Structure formats: structure tokens, C-alpha cells
Amino acid sequence: MSSRRSRQPSVPRITDDQIIGLVSKLRHLLPEIRHRRSDKVSASKVLQETCNYIRNLHREVDDLSDRLSHLLSTIDADSPEAAIIRSLIM
């Protein structure tokens, strides 16, 4: 007897308590929110700030990578400093 239903592995459902816990963890990781006096911050605000924070981190990484690349182009390629910079970029 064949079944018309496709068999999909059961996907574990995340509970409201787990979501609250994860949002709380994010809240404590975000400098913008962590230092506020009020403990009342909506989950949507935490998620917005998380996205902004990650976006800013990406910009910082890109900026630092550009600065290191520029620095590398201005020094002797065989110097110990150049080797350190190459290892940081990789």
C-alpha cells in the first residue's frame, strides 16, 4: 500500500521560550542595547540592532582588509612585516 504523503523528516519546532532565550542572548551581545538602563527592549528592536551590528562589523572588516592591503603594497614584499600582514589578510 503506497502513501500519497511524502515522507519528510520531522523538523524540530522552536518554542517561544527558546526564542525568548535567543533574543536575550543577542541582547547581551549588542553594545548598543547592553548598556541601556531599561531591560525593556522589544524582540524586533533586538533583531534590528543585531542586523545593524553585523552590517557594521562587515564594514569594519572590509575597511581593515583594505588598509592592510594598502600597507602591504607600500612595504618590501619579502620583509617579516609583509609576512605578518599577508597572514592577517588570509
PDB file of N, CA and C in Angstrom:
ATOM      1  N   MET A   1       0.833  -1.158   0.000  1.00  0.00           N
ATOM      2  CA  MET A   1       0.000   0.000   0.000  1.00  0.00           C
ATOM      3  C   MET A   1       0.891   1.238   0.000  1.00  0.00           C
ATOM      4  N   SER A   2       0.689   2.095  -0.982  1.00  0.00           N
ATOM      5  CA  SER A   2       1.533   3.282  -1.060  1.00  0.00           C
ATOM      6  C   SER A   2       0.830   4.472  -0.427  1.00  0.00           C
ATOM      7  N   SER A   3       1.622   5.314   0.132  1.00  0.00           N
ATOM      8  CA  SER A   3       1.083   6.505   0.774  1.00  0.00           C
ATOM      9  C   SER A   3       1.240   7.700  -0.149  1.00  0.00           C
ATOM     10  N   ARG A   4       0.230   8.542  -0.212  1.00  0.00           N
ATOM     11  CA  ARG A   4       0.312   9.736  -1.054  1.00  0.00           C
ATOM     12  C   ARG A   4       1.098  10.849  -0.375  1.00  0.00           C
ATOM     13  N   ARG A   5       1.239  10.776   0.902  1.00  0.00           N
ATOM     14  CA  ARG A   5       2.001  11.796   1.624  1.00  0.00           C
ATOM     15  C   ARG A   5       3.482  11.554   1.434  1.00  0.00           C
ATOM     16  N   SER A   6       4.192  12.642   1.174  1.00  0.00           N
ATOM     17  CA  SER A   6       5.649  12.496   1.088  1.00  0.00           C
ATOM     18  C   SER A   6       6.191  12.421   2.508  1.00  0.00           C
ATOM     19  N   ARG A   7       7.181  11.617   2.638  1.00  0.00           N
ATOM     20  CA  ARG A   7       7.768  11.449   3.967  1.00  0.00           C
ATOM     21  C   ARG A   7       8.921  12.431   4.127  1.00  0.00           C
ATOM     22  N   GLN A   8       8.703  13.387   5.002  1.00  0.00           N
ATOM     23  CA  GLN A   8       9.735  14.364   5.301  1.00  0.00           C
ATOM     24  C   GLN A   8      10.192  14.133   6.724  1.00  0.00           C
ATOM     25  N   PRO A   9      11.480  14.303   6.925  1.00  0.00           N
ATOM     26  CA  PRO A   9      11.941  14.161   8.303  1.00  0.00           C
ATOM     27  C   PRO A   9      11.275  15.234   9.164  1.00  0.00           C
ATOM     28  N   SER A  10      10.963  14.865  10.374  1.00  0.00           N
ATOM     29  CA  SER A  10      10.309  15.837  11.244  1.00  0.00           C
ATOM     30  C   SER A  10      11.292  16.963  11.579  1.00  0.00           C
ATOM     31  N   VAL A  11      10.808  18.171  11.425  1.00  0.00           N
ATOM     32  CA  VAL A  11      11.610  19.359  11.703  1.00  0.00           C
ATOM     33  C   VAL A  11      11.310  19.781  13.131  1.00  0.00           C
ATOM     34  N   PRO A  12      12.349  19.858  13.948  1.00  0.00           N
ATOM     35  CA  PRO A  12      12.086  20.264  15.329  1.00  0.00           C
ATOM     36  C   PRO A  12      11.561  21.706  15.366  1.00  0.00           C
ATOM     37  N   ARG A  13      10.538  21.914  16.094  1.00  0.00           N
ATOM     38  CA  ARG A  13       9.940  23.238  16.228  1.00  0.00           C
ATOM     39  C   ARG A  13      10.610  23.981  17.374  1.00  0.00           C
ATOM     40  N   ILE A  14      10.834  25.262  17.147  1.00  0.00           N
ATOM     41  CA  ILE A  14      11.427  26.076  18.205  1.00  0.00           C
ATOM     42  C   ILE A  14      10.296  26.623  19.062  1.00  0.00           C
ATOM     43  N   THR A  15      10.492  26.576  20.346  1.00  0.00           N
ATOM     44  CA  THR A  15       9.447  27.019  21.264  1.00  0.00           C
ATOM     45  C   THR A  15       9.577  28.516  21.535  1.00  0.00           C
ATOM     46  N   ASP A  16       8.520  29.095  22.060  1.00  0.00           N
ATOM     47  CA  ASP A  16       8.540  30.509  22.429  1.00  0.00           C
ATOM     48  C   ASP A  16       9.633  30.780  23.463  1.00  0.00           C
ATOM     49  N   ASP A  17       9.801  29.857  24.394  1.00  0.00           N
ATOM     50  CA  ASP A  17      10.836  30.029  25.416  1.00  0.00           C
ATOM     51  C   ASP A  17      12.235  30.032  24.798  1.00  0.00           C
ATOM     52  N   GLN A  18      12.442  29.202  23.791  1.00  0.00           N
ATOM     53  CA  GLN A  18      13.733  29.176  23.126  1.00  0.00           C
ATOM     54  C   GLN A  18      13.980  30.489  22.380  1.00  0.00           C
ATOM     55  N   ILE A  19      12.953  31.010  21.728  1.00  0.00           N
ATOM     56  CA  ILE A  19      13.083  32.288  21.027  1.00  0.00           C
ATOM     57  C   ILE A  19      13.408  33.394  22.017  1.00  0.00           C
ATOM     58  N   ILE A  20      12.708  33.428  23.131  1.00  0.00           N
ATOM     59  CA  ILE A  20      12.964  34.434  24.161  1.00  0.00           C
ATOM     60  C   ILE A  20      14.402  34.322  24.661  1.00  0.00           C
ATOM     61  N   GLY A  21      14.864  33.103  24.864  1.00  0.00           N
ATOM     62  CA  GLY A  21      16.245  32.893  25.315  1.00  0.00           C
ATOM     63  C   GLY A  21      17.273  33.369  24.296  1.00  0.00           C
ATOM     64  N   LEU A  22      17.023  33.086  23.023  1.00  0.00           N
ATOM     65  CA  LEU A  22      17.947  33.507  21.965  1.00  0.00           C
ATOM     66  C   LEU A  22      17.972  35.021  21.813  1.00  0.00           C
ATOM     67  N   VAL A  23      16.814  35.650  21.887  1.00  0.00           N
ATOM     68  CA  VAL A  23      16.753  37.111  21.806  1.00  0.00           C
ATOM     69  C   VAL A  23      17.483  37.724  23.000  1.00  0.00           C
ATOM     70  N   SER A  24      17.323  37.121  24.151  1.00  0.00           N
ATOM     71  CA  SER A  24      18.020  37.609  25.349  1.00  0.00           C
ATOM     72  C   SER A  24      19.539  37.504  25.182  1.00  0.00           C
ATOM     73  N   LYS A  25      20.002  36.410  24.618  1.00  0.00           N
ATOM     74  CA  LYS A  25      21.437  36.245  24.378  1.00  0.00           C
ATOM     75  C   LYS A  25      21.942  37.299  23.396  1.00  0.00           C
ATOM     76  N   LEU A  26      21.177  37.534  22.323  1.00  0.00           N
ATOM     77  CA  LEU A  26      21.558  38.567  21.361  1.00  0.00           C
ATOM     78  C   LEU A  26      21.625  39.931  22.036  1.00  0.00           C
ATOM     79  N   ARG A  27      20.643  40.210  22.872  1.00  0.00           N
ATOM     80  CA  ARG A  27      20.573  41.495  23.562  1.00  0.00           C
ATOM     81  C   ARG A  27      21.856  41.748  24.358  1.00  0.00           C
ATOM     82  N   HIS A  28      22.363  40.725  25.001  1.00  0.00           N
ATOM     83  CA  HIS A  28      23.564  40.880  25.828  1.00  0.00           C
ATOM     84  C   HIS A  28      24.842  40.975  24.994  1.00  0.00           C
ATOM     85  N   LEU A  29      24.773  40.605  23.729  1.00  0.00           N
ATOM     86  CA  LEU A  29      25.937  40.692  22.843  1.00  0.00           C
ATOM     87  C   LEU A  29      26.049  42.038  22.142  1.00  0.00           C
ATOM     88  N   LEU A  30      24.970  42.798  22.120  1.00  0.00           N
ATOM     89  CA  LEU A  30      24.940  44.046  21.369  1.00  0.00           C
ATOM     90  C   LEU A  30      25.310  45.225  22.254  1.00  0.00           C
ATOM     91  N   PRO A  31      26.421  45.884  21.940  1.00  0.00           N
ATOM     92  CA  PRO A  31      26.838  47.021  22.769  1.00  0.00           C
ATOM     93  C   PRO A  31      25.789  48.130  22.830  1.00  0.00           C
ATOM     94  N   GLU A  32      25.091  48.363  21.731  1.00  0.00           N
ATOM     95  CA  GLU A  32      24.096  49.431  21.671  1.00  0.00           C
ATOM     96  C   GLU A  32      22.962  49.216  22.671  1.00  0.00           C
ATOM     97  N   ILE A  33      22.602  47.982  22.897  1.00  0.00           N
ATOM     98  CA  ILE A  33      21.472  47.668  23.785  1.00  0.00           C
ATOM     99  C   ILE A  33      21.950  47.277  25.177  1.00  0.00           C
ATOM    100  N   ARG A  34      23.064  46.628  25.246  1.00  0.00           N
ATOM    101  CA  ARG A  34      23.557  46.085  26.517  1.00  0.00           C
ATOM    102  C   ARG A  34      23.699  47.157  27.594  1.00  0.00           C
ATOM    103  N   HIS A  35      24.081  48.377  27.190  1.00  0.00           N
ATOM    104  CA  HIS A  35      24.380  49.425  28.159  1.00  0.00           C
ATOM    105  C   HIS A  35      23.183  50.303  28.501  1.00  0.00           C
ATOM    106  N   ARG A  36      22.039  49.989  27.966  1.00  0.00           N
ATOM    107  CA  ARG A  36      20.830  50.747  28.299  1.00  0.00           C
ATOM    108  C   ARG A  36      20.387  50.397  29.709  1.00  0.00           C
ATOM    109  N   ARG A  37      19.824  51.361  30.347  1.00  0.00           N
ATOM    110  CA  ARG A  37      19.351  51.139  31.720  1.00  0.00           C
ATOM    111  C   ARG A  37      18.090  50.284  31.764  1.00  0.00           C
ATOM    112  N   SER A  38      17.248  50.439  30.779  1.00  0.00           N
ATOM    113  CA  SER A  38      15.977  49.714  30.763  1.00  0.00           C
ATOM    114  C   SER A  38      16.168  48.297  30.236  1.00  0.00           C
ATOM    115  N   ASP A  39      15.526  47.358  30.883  1.00  0.00           N
ATOM    116  CA  ASP A  39      15.555  45.967  30.414  1.00  0.00           C
ATOM    117  C   ASP A  39      14.489  45.723  29.359  1.00  0.00           C
ATOM    118  N   LYS A  40      13.622  46.692  29.146  1.00  0.00           N
ATOM    119  CA  LYS A  40      12.516  46.525  28.202  1.00  0.00           C
ATOM    120  C   LYS A  40      12.964  46.919  26.797  1.00  0.00           C
ATOM    121  N   VAL A  41      13.280  45.927  25.991  1.00  0.00           N
ATOM    122  CA  VAL A  41      13.612  46.139  24.588  1.00  0.00           C
ATOM    123  C   VAL A  41      12.875  45.060  23.809  1.00  0.00           C
ATOM    124  N   SER A  42      12.147  45.483  22.787  1.00  0.00           N
ATOM    125  CA  SER A  42      11.352  44.515  22.030  1.00  0.00           C
ATOM    126  C   SER A  42      12.259  43.579  21.238  1.00  0.00           C
ATOM    127  N   ALA A  43      11.732  42.417  20.952  1.00  0.00           N
ATOM    128  CA  ALA A  43      12.482  41.430  20.165  1.00  0.00           C
ATOM    129  C   ALA A  43      12.802  41.989  18.784  1.00  0.00           C
ATOM    130  N   SER A  44      11.862  42.732  18.202  1.00  0.00           N
ATOM    131  CA  SER A  44      12.113  43.294  16.866  1.00  0.00           C
ATOM    132  C   SER A  44      13.246  44.305  16.915  1.00  0.00           C
ATOM    133  N   LYS A  45      13.332  45.083  17.983  1.00  0.00           N
ATOM    134  CA  LYS A  45      14.431  46.057  18.136  1.00  0.00           C
ATOM    135  C   LYS A  45      15.761  45.318  18.282  1.00  0.00           C
ATOM    136  N   VAL A  46      15.772  44.242  19.041  1.00  0.00           N
ATOM    137  CA  VAL A  46      16.993  43.447  19.207  1.00  0.00           C
ATOM    138  C   VAL A  46      17.431  42.881  17.860  1.00  0.00           C
ATOM    139  N   LEU A  47      16.486  42.378  17.079  1.00  0.00           N
ATOM    140  CA  LEU A  47      16.832  41.817  15.769  1.00  0.00           C
ATOM    141  C   LEU A  47      17.309  42.902  14.810  1.00  0.00           C
ATOM    142  N   GLN A  48      16.684  44.083  14.837  1.00  0.00           N
ATOM    143  CA  GLN A  48      17.137  45.198  14.002  1.00  0.00           C
ATOM    144  C   GLN A  48      18.556  45.609  14.381  1.00  0.00           C
ATOM    145  N   GLU A  49      18.797  45.741  15.672  1.00  0.00           N
ATOM    146  CA  GLU A  49      20.130  46.139  16.140  1.00  0.00           C
ATOM    147  C   GLU A  49      21.169  45.069  15.821  1.00  0.00           C
ATOM    148  N   THR A  50      20.766  43.802  15.869  1.00  0.00           N
ATOM    149  CA  THR A  50      21.675  42.715  15.512  1.00  0.00           C
ATOM    150  C   THR A  50      22.090  42.835  14.050  1.00  0.00           C
ATOM    151  N   CYS A  51      21.125  43.077  13.182  1.00  0.00           N
ATOM    152  CA  CYS A  51      21.428  43.252  11.751  1.00  0.00           C
ATOM    153  C   CYS A  51      22.344  44.448  11.528  1.00  0.00           C
ATOM    154  N   ASN A  52      22.049  45.559  12.187  1.00  0.00           N
ATOM    155  CA  ASN A  52      22.901  46.751  12.062  1.00  0.00           C
ATOM    156  C   ASN A  52      24.314  46.477  12.554  1.00  0.00           C
ATOM    157  N   TYR A  53      24.420  45.786  13.667  1.00  0.00           N
ATOM    158  CA  TYR A  53      25.722  45.482  14.252  1.00  0.00           C
ATOM    159  C   TYR A  53      26.543  44.590  13.320  1.00  0.00           C
ATOM    160  N   ILE A  54      25.918  43.572  12.766  1.00  0.00           N
ATOM    161  CA  ILE A  54      26.614  42.669  11.836  1.00  0.00           C
ATOM    162  C   ILE A  54      27.039  43.429  10.588  1.00  0.00           C
ATOM    163  N   ARG A  55      26.154  44.285  10.073  1.00  0.00           N
ATOM    164  CA  ARG A  55      26.489  45.112   8.909  1.00  0.00           C
ATOM    165  C   ARG A  55      27.710  45.996   9.207  1.00  0.00           C
ATOM    166  N   ASN A  56      27.731  46.617  10.383  1.00  0.00           N
ATOM    167  CA  ASN A  56      28.869  47.454  10.772  1.00  0.00           C
ATOM    168  C   ASN A  56      30.143  46.642  10.923  1.00  0.00           C
ATOM    169  N   LEU A  57      30.031  45.444  11.467  1.00  0.00           N
ATOM    170  CA  LEU A  57      31.207  44.579  11.591  1.00  0.00           C
ATOM    171  C   LEU A  57      31.770  44.224  10.217  1.00  0.00           C
ATOM    172  N   HIS A  58      30.884  43.944   9.268  1.00  0.00           N
ATOM    173  CA  HIS A  58      31.327  43.648   7.898  1.00  0.00           C
ATOM    174  C   HIS A  58      32.072  44.844   7.307  1.00  0.00           C
ATOM    175  N   ARG A  59      31.533  46.045   7.528  1.00  0.00           N
ATOM    176  CA  ARG A  59      32.201  47.256   7.026  1.00  0.00           C
ATOM    177  C   ARG A  59      33.586  47.416   7.654  1.00  0.00           C
ATOM    178  N   GLU A  60      33.668  47.179   8.953  1.00  0.00           N
ATOM    179  CA  GLU A  60      34.953  47.290   9.640  1.00  0.00           C
ATOM    180  C   GLU A  60      35.963  46.287   9.094  1.00  0.00           C
ATOM    181  N   VAL A  61      35.523  45.064   8.864  1.00  0.00           N
ATOM    182  CA  VAL A  61      36.404  44.033   8.315  1.00  0.00           C
ATOM    183  C   VAL A  61      36.885  44.444   6.931  1.00  0.00           C
ATOM    184  N   ASP A  62      35.964  44.920   6.098  1.00  0.00           N
ATOM    185  CA  ASP A  62      36.346  45.369   4.755  1.00  0.00           C
ATOM    186  C   ASP A  62      37.340  46.523   4.823  1.00  0.00           C
ATOM    187  N   ASP A  63      37.085  47.476   5.704  1.00  0.00           N
ATOM    188  CA  ASP A  63      37.976  48.627   5.852  1.00  0.00           C
ATOM    189  C   ASP A  63      39.361  48.191   6.315  1.00  0.00           C
ATOM    190  N   LEU A  64      39.406  47.333   7.313  1.00  0.00           N
ATOM    191  CA  LEU A  64      40.700  46.851   7.811  1.00  0.00           C
ATOM    192  C   LEU A  64      41.443  46.053   6.745  1.00  0.00           C
ATOM    193  N   SER A  65      40.721  45.259   5.997  1.00  0.00           N
ATOM    194  CA  SER A  65      41.341  44.491   4.919  1.00  0.00           C
ATOM    195  C   SER A  65      41.930  45.427   3.867  1.00  0.00           C
ATOM    196  N   ASP A  66      41.184  46.466   3.503  1.00  0.00           N
ATOM    197  CA  ASP A  66      41.693  47.452   2.546  1.00  0.00           C
ATOM    198  C   ASP A  66      42.933  48.157   3.082  1.00  0.00           C
ATOM    199  N   ARG A  67      42.889  48.526   4.334  1.00  0.00           N
ATOM    200  CA  ARG A  67      44.044  49.215   4.933  1.00  0.00           C
ATOM    201  C   ARG A  67      45.273  48.309   4.977  1.00  0.00           C
ATOM    202  N   LEU A  68      45.060  47.037   5.319  1.00  0.00           N
ATOM    203  CA  LEU A  68      46.177  46.098   5.334  1.00  0.00           C
ATOM    204  C   LEU A  68      46.730  45.871   3.929  1.00  0.00           C
ATOM    205  N   SER A  69      45.850  45.772   2.959  1.00  0.00           N
ATOM    206  CA  SER A  69      46.304  45.604   1.570  1.00  0.00           C
ATOM    207  C   SER A  69      47.120  46.808   1.123  1.00  0.00           C
ATOM    208  N   HIS A  70      46.653  48.000   1.464  1.00  0.00           N
ATOM    209  CA  HIS A  70      47.395  49.210   1.114  1.00  0.00           C
ATOM    210  C   HIS A  70      48.764  49.222   1.804  1.00  0.00           C
ATOM    211  N   LEU A  71      48.768  48.880   3.072  1.00  0.00           N
ATOM    212  CA  LEU A  71      50.025  48.837   3.813  1.00  0.00           C
ATOM    213  C   LEU A  71      50.982  47.831   3.193  1.00  0.00           C
ATOM    214  N   LEU A  72      50.460  46.688   2.808  1.00  0.00           N
ATOM    215  CA  LEU A  72      51.275  45.648   2.191  1.00  0.00           C
ATOM    216  C   LEU A  72      51.899  46.136   0.884  1.00  0.00           C
ATOM    217  N   SER A  73      51.158  46.947   0.146  1.00  0.00           N
ATOM    218  CA  SER A  73      51.684  47.443  -1.128  1.00  0.00           C
ATOM    219  C   SER A  73      52.763  48.503  -0.941  1.00  0.00           C
ATOM    220  N   THR A  74      52.899  49.032   0.271  1.00  0.00           N
ATOM    221  CA  THR A  74      53.883  50.093   0.499  1.00  0.00           C
ATOM    222  C   THR A  74      55.169  49.597   1.160  1.00  0.00           C
ATOM    223  N   ILE A  75      55.222  48.310   1.517  1.00  0.00           N
ATOM    224  CA  ILE A  75      56.437  47.809   2.177  1.00  0.00           C
ATOM    225  C   ILE A  75      57.081  46.715   1.328  1.00  0.00           C
ATOM    226  N   ASP A  76      58.296  46.381   1.681  1.00  0.00           N
ATOM    227  CA  ASP A  76      59.051  45.337   0.978  1.00  0.00           C
ATOM    228  C   ASP A  76      58.312  44.000   1.122  1.00  0.00           C
ATOM    229  N   ALA A  77      58.015  43.386  -0.006  1.00  0.00           N
ATOM    230  CA  ALA A  77      57.227  42.148  -0.021  1.00  0.00           C
ATOM    231  C   ALA A  77      57.916  40.987   0.688  1.00  0.00           C
ATOM    232  N   ASP A  78      59.232  41.034   0.829  1.00  0.00           N
ATOM    233  CA  ASP A  78      59.960  39.940   1.471  1.00  0.00           C
ATOM    234  C   ASP A  78      60.234  40.199   2.949  1.00  0.00           C
ATOM    235  N   SER A  79      59.769  41.298   3.468  1.00  0.00           N
ATOM    236  CA  SER A  79      60.051  41.638   4.868  1.00  0.00           C
ATOM    237  C   SER A  79      59.192  40.807   5.817  1.00  0.00           C
ATOM    238  N   PRO A  80      59.645  40.679   7.063  1.00  0.00           N
ATOM    239  CA  PRO A  80      58.842  39.953   8.064  1.00  0.00           C
ATOM    240  C   PRO A  80      57.481  40.627   8.298  1.00  0.00           C
ATOM    241  N   GLU A  81      57.460  41.971   8.199  1.00  0.00           N
ATOM    242  CA  GLU A  81      56.202  42.696   8.369  1.00  0.00           C
ATOM    243  C   GLU A  81      55.193  42.305   7.284  1.00  0.00           C
ATOM    244  N   ALA A  82      55.685  42.157   6.058  1.00  0.00           N
ATOM    245  CA  ALA A  82      54.817  41.786   4.947  1.00  0.00           C
ATOM    246  C   ALA A  82      54.229  40.387   5.180  1.00  0.00           C
ATOM    247  N   ALA A  83      55.034  39.492   5.713  1.00  0.00           N
ATOM    248  CA  ALA A  83      54.541  38.143   6.002  1.00  0.00           C
ATOM    249  C   ALA A  83      53.436  38.178   7.055  1.00  0.00           C
ATOM    250  N   ILE A  84      53.597  39.031   8.054  1.00  0.00           N
ATOM    251  CA  ILE A  84      52.575  39.167   9.097  1.00  0.00           C
ATOM    252  C   ILE A  84      51.286  39.718   8.498  1.00  0.00           C
ATOM    253  N   ILE A  85      51.417  40.756   7.673  1.00  0.00           N
ATOM    254  CA  ILE A  85      50.242  41.360   7.046  1.00  0.00           C
ATOM    255  C   ILE A  85      49.537  40.350   6.141  1.00  0.00           C
ATOM    256  N   ARG A  86      50.305  39.601   5.370  1.00  0.00           N
ATOM    257  CA  ARG A  86      49.694  38.570   4.486  1.00  0.00           C
ATOM    258  C   ARG A  86      48.926  37.555   5.324  1.00  0.00           C
ATOM    259  N   SER A  87      49.486  37.175   6.455  1.00  0.00           N
ATOM    260  CA  SER A  87      48.801  36.186   7.301  1.00  0.00           C
ATOM    261  C   SER A  87      47.515  36.762   7.893  1.00  0.00           C
ATOM    262  N   LEU A  88      47.478  38.071   8.125  1.00  0.00           N
ATOM    263  CA  LEU A  88      46.262  38.701   8.650  1.00  0.00           C
ATOM    264  C   LEU A  88      45.167  38.805   7.599  1.00  0.00           C
ATOM    265  N   ILE A  89      45.584  39.010   6.353  1.00  0.00           N
ATOM    266  CA  ILE A  89      44.626  39.165   5.260  1.00  0.00           C
ATOM    267  C   ILE A  89      44.006  37.823   4.894  1.00  0.00           C
ATOM    268  N   MET A  90      44.753  36.768   4.962  1.00  0.00           N
ATOM    269  CA  MET A  90      44.268  35.448   4.550  1.00  0.00           C
ATOM    270  C   MET A  90      43.257  34.924   5.494  1.00  0.00           C
TER     271      MET A  90
END
